[in-house]
Amino acid sequence: MADDIDWRDLNPTDGAVVYSSEFDAYNSTYFDDYDRLTYAVANTTSHEMGHLLGLCHHHAFGPIGTADVPGYGEYPFTEGGAETNDHLMATGCTGISLEERVADRYFGERESRVLDVASGMISMHDEADDHSTRETAQALGGGSDLGVTASLDVVGETDWYGFWLEEGDLLSIEVYSERCSRFTDPIDPFFGLYDPYGTLLGSYDDYWSYSTGRDAALLDYQIAETGMWYVVVGGNYTDRTYRDIGGEENGIGDYEVWVHRDPVPEPATCAMLIVGLGGVLVWRRRSR
């Protein structure tokens, strides 16, 4: 049991508890084997430590590129791919079996990039004074990991952000508020994704209740065209299905948006070597 999902690892005093006696009480058939017991304790401890570094259960989804369909409460999450339950942040809500719990698991690629953020490998931006329209959208650049800590101060307000993407990129967006316990006034966020022409491609709200609560996320969206793309963040209030977490029902409060870009893969080294050798052979033939 972890104290918090500490996104960006900003709380140095949080901790976690692992109830070791539960392993024997749960099913001694599996835990009477030393190796299985070792893996079970190590996996559980690593899982809870992962929460203290900002990892959520849905970060176990994998491999990258297979989680483009939001779960919206589906149980278990099946779109995540076959690797999901091999990863340390997998849990009961991903349908992990007892056999998988006592296997040698690891942090996958999606989990690793969140750990990179926890180690400071993210470009954090200050919130712009006015970015309430597409014309005044706050430009975040074109890095792999971009973040902004921001707030909504007026009922019905929305914040616009723009970032440069290349055709073929895989885009993931997460808006944190409920998961950030450091926020004294969290909201129930939602966001929309717009292409370079200002066309709304999708609106995303409560992603997966078993992992994100009422926070919003989009994973592995493939970019169709190079250009400036936009995300607009808002807070749910009385005229929407879900209301403000604080109970004031006004959609006013704090949030943090994280934009992650998996760039178009570079040609493999071995493929480039083959192309290069082919060029050398052609040159030698021509020389003869």
Protein backbone atom coordinates (compact mmCIF):
# COMPACT_ATOMS: atom_id res chain seq x y z
CA MET A 1 0.00 0.00 0.00
CA ALA A 2 1.64 3.23 -1.21
CA ASP A 3 0.98 6.62 0.37
CA ASP A 4 0.59 8.31 -2.98
CA ILE A 5 0.97 8.17 -6.74
CA ASP A 6 3.72 10.75 -6.59
CA TRP A 7 3.86 12.08 -10.16
CA ARG A 8 7.37 13.49 -10.84
CA ASP A 9 8.51 12.20 -7.41
CA LEU A 10 8.10 15.56 -5.68
CA ASN A 11 7.31 14.28 -2.18
CA PRO A 12 10.49 13.03 -0.45
CA THR A 13 8.65 11.79 2.65
CA ASP A 14 6.07 9.40 1.21
CA GLY A 15 6.40 5.67 1.76
CA ALA A 16 4.83 2.27 1.21
CA VAL A 17 3.96 -0.79 3.28
CA VAL A 18 4.10 -4.41 2.10
CA TYR A 19 2.19 -6.85 4.32
CA SER A 20 4.48 -9.87 4.07
CA SER A 21 2.26 -12.17 6.14
CA GLU A 22 -0.43 -11.96 3.46
CA PHE A 23 1.68 -14.01 1.05
CA ASP A 24 1.41 -17.10 3.24
CA ALA A 25 -2.21 -16.45 4.13
CA TYR A 26 -3.25 -15.94 0.50
CA ASN A 27 -2.14 -19.23 -1.04
CA SER A 28 0.62 -21.31 0.52
CA THR A 29 0.64 -23.62 -2.51
CA TYR A 30 2.36 -20.90 -4.51
CA PHE A 31 4.38 -19.24 -1.81
CA ASP A 32 5.96 -22.32 -0.22
CA ASP A 33 8.54 -22.25 -3.01
CA TYR A 34 11.50 -20.00 -2.25
CA ASP A 35 11.89 -18.62 -5.78
CA ARG A 36 8.19 -17.86 -6.17
CA LEU A 37 8.06 -16.21 -2.76
CA THR A 38 11.15 -14.12 -3.60
CA TYR A 39 9.63 -12.94 -6.87
CA ALA A 40 6.29 -12.21 -5.21
CA VAL A 41 7.83 -10.04 -2.49
CA ALA A 42 10.20 -8.28 -4.91
CA ASN A 43 7.45 -7.66 -7.47
CA THR A 44 5.04 -6.29 -4.88
CA THR A 45 7.66 -4.03 -3.31
CA SER A 46 8.75 -2.73 -6.73
CA HIS A 47 5.10 -2.13 -7.68
CA GLU A 48 4.44 0.01 -4.59
CA MET A 49 7.75 1.84 -5.02
CA GLY A 50 6.66 2.53 -8.59
CA HIS A 51 3.59 4.38 -7.28
CA LEU A 52 5.90 6.55 -5.16
CA LEU A 53 7.69 7.51 -8.39
CA GLY A 54 4.49 8.41 -10.24
CA LEU A 55 3.60 5.13 -11.92
CA CYS A 56 -0.05 4.10 -12.33
CA HIS A 57 -1.48 0.70 -13.18
CA HIS A 58 -2.18 1.66 -16.79
CA HIS A 59 1.52 2.35 -17.34
CA ALA A 60 1.89 -1.45 -17.43
CA PHE A 61 0.00 -1.50 -20.76
CA GLY A 62 2.27 -2.65 -23.53
CA PRO A 63 3.92 -2.89 -25.87
CA ILE A 64 4.07 0.75 -26.97
CA GLY A 65 1.64 1.37 -29.80
CA THR A 66 -1.06 -1.06 -28.66
CA ALA A 67 -3.04 1.04 -26.18
CA ASP A 68 -4.75 3.54 -28.48
CA VAL A 69 -8.25 2.54 -27.32
CA PRO A 70 -9.13 4.02 -23.90
CA GLY A 71 -10.53 1.47 -21.46
CA TYR A 72 -13.14 3.71 -19.79
CA GLY A 73 -13.62 1.28 -16.93
CA GLU A 74 -13.40 -1.99 -18.87
CA TYR A 75 -12.17 -4.87 -16.73
CA PRO A 76 -9.69 -6.28 -17.35
CA PHE A 77 -7.94 -4.05 -19.89
CA THR A 78 -7.40 -6.31 -22.92
CA GLU A 79 -6.23 -3.75 -25.49
CA GLY A 80 -2.93 -3.34 -23.67
CA GLY A 81 -1.22 -6.21 -25.45
CA ALA A 82 0.26 -9.49 -24.32
CA GLU A 83 3.15 -7.86 -22.43
CA THR A 84 0.94 -6.06 -19.91
CA ASN A 85 1.00 -8.65 -17.14
CA ASP A 86 4.76 -9.16 -17.54
CA HIS A 87 5.23 -5.62 -16.23
CA LEU A 88 5.60 -4.62 -12.59
CA MET A 89 2.69 -2.16 -12.51
CA ALA A 90 0.24 -4.85 -13.61
CA THR A 91 -2.25 -5.78 -10.93
CA GLY A 92 -5.67 -7.33 -10.38
CA CYS A 93 -7.36 -4.70 -12.54
CA THR A 94 -5.23 -5.76 -15.53
CA GLY A 95 -6.32 -9.37 -15.01
CA ILE A 96 -2.96 -10.65 -13.77
CA SER A 97 -3.03 -14.28 -12.67
CA LEU A 98 -1.48 -15.78 -9.56
CA GLU A 99 1.09 -17.54 -11.73
CA GLU A 100 2.07 -14.20 -13.27
CA ARG A 101 2.33 -12.57 -9.85
CA VAL A 102 5.07 -15.01 -8.81
CA ALA A 103 7.00 -14.77 -12.09
CA ASP A 104 10.06 -12.62 -12.80
CA ARG A 105 8.49 -9.33 -13.95
CA TYR A 106 10.08 -6.04 -15.03
CA PHE A 107 9.40 -2.38 -15.76
CA GLY A 108 8.36 -2.09 -19.41
CA GLU A 109 9.00 0.70 -21.87
CA ARG A 110 5.91 2.70 -20.91
CA GLU A 111 6.79 2.43 -17.22
CA SER A 112 10.42 3.35 -17.90
CA ARG A 113 9.53 6.66 -19.50
CA VAL A 114 7.53 7.64 -16.41
CA LEU A 115 10.58 6.77 -14.31
CA ASP A 116 12.59 9.05 -16.62
CA VAL A 117 10.18 11.86 -15.76
CA ALA A 118 10.64 11.11 -12.04
CA SER A 119 14.40 11.48 -12.52
CA GLY A 120 13.92 14.97 -14.02
CA MET A 121 14.03 14.15 -17.74
CA ILE A 122 11.08 16.37 -18.67
CA SER A 123 10.78 19.94 -19.98
CA MET A 124 8.51 21.71 -17.50
CA HIS A 125 6.97 25.02 -18.60
CA ASP A 126 5.45 27.85 -16.61
CA GLU A 127 1.83 28.50 -17.45
CA ALA A 128 1.27 31.36 -19.91
CA ASP A 129 -0.81 34.36 -18.85
CA ASP A 130 -3.50 33.87 -21.47
CA HIS A 131 -3.87 30.71 -23.54
CA SER A 132 -7.62 30.34 -23.58
CA THR A 133 -7.97 30.12 -27.38
CA ARG A 134 -6.24 28.31 -30.22
CA GLU A 135 -4.84 31.63 -31.44
CA THR A 136 -3.17 32.25 -28.05
CA ALA A 137 -2.21 28.61 -27.41
CA GLN A 138 0.90 28.16 -25.27
CA ALA A 139 3.65 26.67 -27.43
CA LEU A 140 5.48 23.80 -25.72
CA GLY A 141 8.02 22.99 -28.42
CA GLY A 142 8.74 19.57 -29.86
CA GLY A 143 10.57 17.55 -27.22
CA SER A 144 9.81 13.99 -26.20
CA ASP A 145 8.48 14.90 -22.73
CA LEU A 146 6.70 18.20 -22.07
CA GLY A 147 4.81 19.32 -18.99
CA VAL A 148 2.95 22.28 -17.51
CA THR A 149 1.56 22.83 -14.02
CA ALA A 150 -1.48 25.05 -14.45
CA SER A 151 -4.87 26.04 -13.07
CA LEU A 152 -8.36 26.92 -14.22
CA ASP A 153 -9.55 30.07 -12.47
CA VAL A 154 -12.94 30.79 -14.07
CA VAL A 155 -15.97 28.55 -14.54
CA GLY A 156 -15.94 27.18 -18.10
CA GLU A 157 -12.33 28.26 -18.74
CA THR A 158 -10.16 26.15 -21.06
CA ASP A 159 -6.37 26.16 -21.58
CA TRP A 160 -4.82 25.57 -25.01
CA TYR A 161 -1.36 24.09 -25.65
CA GLY A 162 0.45 23.59 -28.94
CA PHE A 163 3.32 21.24 -29.72
CA TRP A 164 5.14 20.18 -32.87
CA LEU A 165 4.70 16.59 -34.02
CA GLU A 166 5.98 14.57 -36.97
CA GLU A 167 3.94 12.21 -39.13
CA GLY A 168 4.07 8.72 -37.62
CA ASP A 169 4.79 9.88 -34.06
CA LEU A 170 2.94 8.13 -31.25
CA LEU A 171 1.38 10.73 -28.94
CA SER A 172 0.39 10.14 -25.31
CA ILE A 173 -1.28 12.81 -23.16
CA GLU A 174 -2.13 12.60 -19.47
CA VAL A 175 -3.80 15.28 -17.36
CA TYR A 176 -3.19 14.83 -13.63
CA SER A 177 -5.20 16.39 -10.85
CA GLU A 178 -6.84 13.82 -8.59
CA ARG A 179 -3.60 11.79 -8.71
CA CYS A 180 -1.56 14.82 -7.58
CA SER A 181 -2.22 14.91 -3.85
CA ARG A 182 -0.11 18.06 -3.63
CA PHE A 183 -3.00 19.95 -5.25
CA THR A 184 -5.27 21.39 -2.56
CA ASP A 185 -7.97 22.16 -5.16
CA PRO A 186 -8.09 19.29 -7.67
CA ILE A 187 -10.48 19.18 -10.61
CA ASP A 188 -12.09 16.47 -12.71
CA PRO A 189 -10.27 17.26 -15.98
CA PHE A 190 -11.03 16.50 -19.59
CA PHE A 191 -9.20 17.46 -22.78
CA GLY A 192 -9.61 17.60 -26.53
CA LEU A 193 -7.04 16.87 -29.25
CA TYR A 194 -6.93 19.12 -32.33
CA ASP A 195 -4.99 18.63 -35.56
CA PRO A 196 -2.97 21.43 -37.28
CA TYR A 197 -6.16 22.64 -39.03
CA GLY A 198 -8.05 23.12 -35.79
CA THR A 199 -10.26 20.05 -36.25
CA LEU A 200 -11.31 18.29 -33.03
CA LEU A 201 -10.24 14.65 -33.35
CA GLY A 202 -11.41 13.41 -29.98
CA SER A 203 -12.42 14.39 -26.46
CA TYR A 204 -11.04 12.42 -23.50
CA ASP A 205 -12.39 12.26 -19.97
CA ASP A 206 -12.12 9.71 -17.16
CA TYR A 207 -9.66 7.27 -18.69
CA TRP A 208 -9.66 4.12 -16.62
CA SER A 209 -11.19 4.23 -13.16
CA TYR A 210 -9.01 1.38 -11.86
CA SER A 211 -5.89 3.47 -12.46
CA THR A 212 -6.52 7.13 -13.15
CA GLY A 213 -9.65 7.81 -11.10
CA ARG A 214 -11.28 10.83 -12.74
CA ASP A 215 -8.12 12.05 -14.45
CA ALA A 216 -7.88 11.98 -18.24
CA ALA A 217 -5.47 10.27 -20.61
CA LEU A 218 -4.86 9.25 -24.22
CA LEU A 219 -2.23 6.64 -25.06
CA ASP A 220 -0.43 5.85 -28.33
CA TYR A 221 -2.33 8.08 -30.75
CA GLN A 222 -0.58 7.92 -34.14
CA ILE A 223 0.00 11.29 -35.77
CA ALA A 224 -1.15 11.47 -39.39
CA GLU A 225 0.48 14.74 -40.44
CA THR A 226 3.50 16.84 -39.48
CA GLY A 227 2.63 20.18 -37.91
CA MET A 228 1.49 22.03 -34.79
CA TRP A 229 -1.04 19.97 -32.85
CA TYR A 230 -3.15 21.22 -29.95
CA VAL A 231 -4.64 19.98 -26.70
CA VAL A 232 -7.27 21.95 -24.82
CA VAL A 233 -7.80 21.22 -21.10
CA GLY A 234 -10.96 21.99 -19.16
CA GLY A 235 -12.61 21.07 -15.87
CA ASN A 236 -15.94 19.26 -15.56
CA TYR A 237 -18.66 21.18 -13.74
CA THR A 238 -22.46 21.07 -13.29
CA ASP A 239 -23.48 20.80 -16.94
CA ARG A 240 -21.26 17.74 -17.49
CA THR A 241 -21.55 14.14 -16.26
CA TYR A 242 -18.84 14.34 -13.62
CA ARG A 243 -18.37 17.20 -11.21
CA ASP A 244 -15.53 18.99 -9.52
CA ILE A 245 -13.72 16.77 -7.01
CA GLY A 246 -13.75 19.45 -4.33
CA GLY A 247 -17.54 19.46 -4.26
CA GLU A 248 -17.95 23.07 -5.39
CA GLU A 249 -19.03 21.87 -8.83
CA ASN A 250 -17.32 24.71 -10.66
CA GLY A 251 -14.47 23.04 -12.57
CA ILE A 252 -11.98 25.45 -10.97
CA GLY A 253 -8.67 24.19 -9.62
CA ASP A 254 -5.19 22.86 -10.38
CA TYR A 255 -3.88 20.28 -12.81
CA GLU A 256 -0.74 19.18 -14.61
CA VAL A 257 -0.58 18.14 -18.26
CA TRP A 258 2.06 15.76 -19.61
CA VAL A 259 2.67 15.33 -23.33
CA HIS A 260 4.89 12.44 -24.43
CA ARG A 261 6.05 11.86 -28.01
CA ASP A 262 7.48 8.58 -29.25
CA PRO A 263 9.21 9.73 -32.44
CA VAL A 264 9.15 7.94 -35.77
CA PRO A 265 11.69 5.10 -35.43
CA GLU A 266 15.06 5.69 -37.06
CA PRO A 267 16.20 3.05 -39.59
CA ALA A 268 17.76 0.10 -37.79
CA THR A 269 21.55 0.04 -37.65
CA CYS A 270 21.75 -3.35 -39.36
CA ALA A 271 19.47 -2.15 -42.16
CA MET A 272 21.65 0.90 -42.71
CA LEU A 273 24.73 -1.34 -42.77
CA ILE A 274 23.16 -3.54 -45.45
CA VAL A 275 22.29 -0.46 -47.53
CA GLY A 276 25.84 0.80 -47.12
CA LEU A 277 27.40 -2.51 -48.17
CA GLY A 278 25.10 -2.60 -51.17
CA GLY A 279 26.35 0.83 -52.18
CA VAL A 280 29.96 -0.29 -51.89
CA LEU A 281 29.32 -3.31 -54.14
CA VAL A 282 27.62 -1.15 -56.76
CA TRP A 283 30.56 1.29 -56.67
CA ARG A 284 33.10 -1.53 -57.07
CA ARG A 285 31.24 -2.98 -60.04
CA ARG A 286 31.09 0.42 -61.68
CA SER A 287 34.80 0.92 -60.98
CA ARG A 288 35.62 -2.34 -62.78
